């Protein structure tokens, strides 16, 4: 998120993805999706999919975004990872065959 000094402040909130940061930046600086997509080397369609969370950015795209905006690539990727984990259903034993070891925790593992 941008703060009053136009600095990017990382957030740990899982309900936000890189799309939110990108969208906020585009809006704040009045950058069109077409121009931004061209600058970071992806199609407008792919950028639209990212902004609608139908696709997520790759490390290469994150580095391109960092290059043109200064937003750290690691922060964008971390936001997407947290968002995806928070919105993914955990597998359950009924998801797989009757394998008794499916999702059985190792004795040494700490949950």
C-alpha atoms as a PDB file:
ATOM      1  CA  UNK A   1       0.000   0.000   0.000  1.00  0.00           C
ATOM      2  CA  UNK A   2       1.126   3.573  -0.641  1.00  0.00           C
ATOM      3  CA  UNK A   3       1.456   5.740   2.439  1.00  0.00           C
ATOM      4  CA  UNK A   4       1.364   9.537   2.642  1.00  0.00           C
ATOM      5  CA  UNK A   5       5.011   9.802   1.583  1.00  0.00           C
ATOM      6  CA  UNK A   6       4.370   7.715  -1.559  1.00  0.00           C
ATOM      7  CA  UNK A   7       6.409   4.885  -0.079  1.00  0.00           C
ATOM      8  CA  UNK A   8       5.389   1.267  -0.531  1.00  0.00           C
ATOM      9  CA  UNK A   9       4.648  -0.273   2.848  1.00  0.00           C
ATOM     10  CA  UNK A  10       4.576  -4.096   2.927  1.00  0.00           C
ATOM     11  CA  UNK A  11       1.490  -5.642   4.470  1.00  0.00           C
ATOM     12  CA  UNK A  12       0.995  -9.125   5.877  1.00  0.00           C
ATOM     13  CA  UNK A  13      -2.732  -9.236   5.247  1.00  0.00           C
ATOM     14  CA  UNK A  14      -3.637 -12.350   3.266  1.00  0.00           C
ATOM     15  CA  UNK A  15      -6.697 -10.763   1.691  1.00  0.00           C
ATOM     16  CA  UNK A  16      -4.455  -8.598  -0.491  1.00  0.00           C
ATOM     17  CA  UNK A  17      -2.553  -9.920  -3.491  1.00  0.00           C
ATOM     18  CA  UNK A  18      -0.020  -8.289  -5.784  1.00  0.00           C
ATOM     19  CA  UNK A  19      -2.998  -7.287  -7.931  1.00  0.00           C
ATOM     20  CA  UNK A  20      -4.132  -4.832  -5.259  1.00  0.00           C
ATOM     21  CA  UNK A  21      -0.730  -3.163  -5.102  1.00  0.00           C
ATOM     22  CA  UNK A  22      -0.477  -2.982  -8.887  1.00  0.00           C
ATOM     23  CA  UNK A  23      -4.011  -1.619  -9.232  1.00  0.00           C
ATOM     24  CA  UNK A  24      -3.427   0.997  -6.545  1.00  0.00           C
ATOM     25  CA  UNK A  25      -0.175   2.093  -8.183  1.00  0.00           C
ATOM     26  CA  UNK A  26      -1.749   2.351 -11.634  1.00  0.00           C
ATOM     27  CA  UNK A  27      -4.620   4.399 -10.229  1.00  0.00           C
ATOM     28  CA  UNK A  28      -2.434   6.690  -8.113  1.00  0.00           C
ATOM     29  CA  UNK A  29      -0.085   7.523 -10.987  1.00  0.00           C
ATOM     30  CA  UNK A  30      -2.792   7.512 -13.703  1.00  0.00           C
ATOM     31  CA  UNK A  31      -1.121   4.719 -15.681  1.00  0.00           C
ATOM     32  CA  UNK A  32      -3.234   2.777 -18.155  1.00  0.00           C
ATOM     33  CA  UNK A  33      -3.215  -0.996 -18.156  1.00  0.00           C
ATOM     34  CA  UNK A  34      -2.076  -0.918 -21.784  1.00  0.00           C
ATOM     35  CA  UNK A  35       0.955   1.247 -21.007  1.00  0.00           C
ATOM     36  CA  UNK A  36       1.882  -0.761 -17.923  1.00  0.00           C
ATOM     37  CA  UNK A  37       1.568  -4.091 -19.740  1.00  0.00           C
ATOM     38  CA  UNK A  38       3.806  -2.764 -22.515  1.00  0.00           C
ATOM     39  CA  UNK A  39       6.436  -1.531 -20.048  1.00  0.00           C
ATOM     40  CA  UNK A  40       6.634  -4.823 -18.165  1.00  0.00           C
ATOM     41  CA  UNK A  41       6.521  -6.943 -21.310  1.00  0.00           C
ATOM     42  CA  UNK A  42       3.236  -8.814 -20.943  1.00  0.00           C
ATOM     43  CA  UNK A  43      -0.012  -8.712 -22.884  1.00  0.00           C
ATOM     44  CA  UNK A  44      -2.920  -6.558 -21.762  1.00  0.00           C
ATOM     45  CA  UNK A  45      -4.946  -9.761 -21.464  1.00  0.00           C
ATOM     46  CA  UNK A  46      -2.420 -11.292 -19.065  1.00  0.00           C
ATOM     47  CA  UNK A  47      -2.305  -8.109 -16.978  1.00  0.00           C
ATOM     48  CA  UNK A  48      -6.106  -8.102 -16.837  1.00  0.00           C
ATOM     49  CA  UNK A  49      -6.058 -11.727 -15.652  1.00  0.00           C
ATOM     50  CA  UNK A  50      -3.564 -10.792 -12.924  1.00  0.00           C
ATOM     51  CA  UNK A  51      -5.651  -7.815 -11.819  1.00  0.00           C
ATOM     52  CA  UNK A  52      -8.761 -10.035 -11.636  1.00  0.00           C
ATOM     53  CA  UNK A  53      -6.825 -12.802  -9.801  1.00  0.00           C
ATOM     54  CA  UNK A  54      -7.363 -15.315 -12.586  1.00  0.00           C
ATOM     55  CA  UNK A  55      -3.571 -15.497 -12.959  1.00  0.00           C
ATOM     56  CA  UNK A  56      -0.695 -14.600 -10.670  1.00  0.00           C
ATOM     57  CA  UNK A  57       2.606 -12.944 -11.451  1.00  0.00           C
ATOM     58  CA  UNK A  58       5.735 -14.965 -12.123  1.00  0.00           C
ATOM     59  CA  UNK A  59       9.139 -14.093 -10.657  1.00  0.00           C
ATOM     60  CA  UNK A  60      10.148 -12.692 -14.059  1.00  0.00           C
ATOM     61  CA  UNK A  61       7.106 -10.406 -14.213  1.00  0.00           C
ATOM     62  CA  UNK A  62       7.670  -9.383 -10.582  1.00  0.00           C
ATOM     63  CA  UNK A  63      11.230  -8.350 -11.455  1.00  0.00           C
ATOM     64  CA  UNK A  64       9.941  -6.353 -14.435  1.00  0.00           C
ATOM     65  CA  UNK A  65       7.425  -4.598 -12.194  1.00  0.00           C
ATOM     66  CA  UNK A  66      10.193  -3.829  -9.703  1.00  0.00           C
ATOM     67  CA  UNK A  67      12.320  -2.377 -12.497  1.00  0.00           C
ATOM     68  CA  UNK A  68       9.628   0.032 -13.729  1.00  0.00           C
ATOM     69  CA  UNK A  69       7.943   0.943 -10.415  1.00  0.00           C
ATOM     70  CA  UNK A  70      10.433   0.314  -7.632  1.00  0.00           C
ATOM     71  CA  UNK A  71       7.979  -2.019  -5.872  1.00  0.00           C
ATOM     72  CA  UNK A  72      10.092  -4.904  -4.516  1.00  0.00           C
ATOM     73  CA  UNK A  73       9.582  -8.149  -6.448  1.00  0.00           C
ATOM     74  CA  UNK A  74       9.852 -10.190  -3.243  1.00  0.00           C
ATOM     75  CA  UNK A  75       6.947  -8.242  -1.744  1.00  0.00           C
ATOM     76  CA  UNK A  76       4.699  -8.814  -4.763  1.00  0.00           C
ATOM     77  CA  UNK A  77       5.489 -12.536  -4.834  1.00  0.00           C
ATOM     78  CA  UNK A  78       4.999 -12.848  -1.067  1.00  0.00           C
ATOM     79  CA  UNK A  79       1.602 -11.138  -1.307  1.00  0.00           C
ATOM     80  CA  UNK A  80       0.496 -13.507  -4.050  1.00  0.00           C
ATOM     81  CA  UNK A  81       1.742 -16.533  -2.103  1.00  0.00           C
ATOM     82  CA  UNK A  82      -0.068 -15.468   1.089  1.00  0.00           C
ATOM     83  CA  UNK A  83      -3.231 -14.721  -0.889  1.00  0.00           C
ATOM     84  CA  UNK A  84      -3.169 -18.066  -2.676  1.00  0.00           C
ATOM     85  CA  UNK A  85      -2.528 -20.017   0.547  1.00  0.00           C
ATOM     86  CA  UNK A  86      -5.360 -18.208   2.314  1.00  0.00           C
ATOM     87  CA  UNK A  87      -7.750 -18.993  -0.548  1.00  0.00           C
ATOM     88  CA  UNK A  88      -6.822 -22.631  -1.134  1.00  0.00           C
ATOM     89  CA  UNK A  89      -8.717 -25.499   0.448  1.00  0.00           C
ATOM     90  CA  UNK A  90      -6.593 -27.922   2.423  1.00  0.00           C
ATOM     91  CA  UNK A  91      -6.573 -31.449   1.025  1.00  0.00           C
ATOM     92  CA  UNK A  92      -8.541 -34.000   3.010  1.00  0.00           C
ATOM     93  CA  UNK A  93      -8.188 -37.784   3.137  1.00  0.00           C
ATOM     94  CA  UNK A  94     -11.395 -38.151   1.125  1.00  0.00           C
ATOM     95  CA  UNK A  95      -9.690 -36.307  -1.760  1.00  0.00           C
ATOM     96  CA  UNK A  96      -7.500 -39.323  -2.600  1.00  0.00           C
ATOM     97  CA  UNK A  97      -7.800 -43.067  -2.778  1.00  0.00           C
ATOM     98  CA  UNK A  98      -8.098 -45.163   0.348  1.00  0.00           C
ATOM     99  CA  UNK A  99      -4.365 -44.882   1.034  1.00  0.00           C
ATOM    100  CA  UNK A 100      -4.053 -44.876   4.852  1.00  0.00           C
ATOM    101  CA  UNK A 101      -0.815 -42.879   4.631  1.00  0.00           C
ATOM    102  CA  UNK A 102      -2.338 -40.003   2.687  1.00  0.00           C
ATOM    103  CA  UNK A 103      -1.814 -36.877   4.817  1.00  0.00           C
ATOM    104  CA  UNK A 104      -0.545 -38.957   7.722  1.00  0.00           C
ATOM    105  CA  UNK A 105       1.936 -36.795   9.584  1.00  0.00           C
ATOM    106  CA  UNK A 106       5.452 -38.086  10.169  1.00  0.00           C
ATOM    107  CA  UNK A 107       6.302 -38.753  13.821  1.00  0.00           C
ATOM    108  CA  UNK A 108       9.017 -36.111  13.746  1.00  0.00           C
ATOM    109  CA  UNK A 109       6.862 -33.401  12.173  1.00  0.00           C
ATOM    110  CA  UNK A 110       5.534 -30.568  14.287  1.00  0.00           C
ATOM    111  CA  UNK A 111       2.178 -29.121  13.305  1.00  0.00           C
END
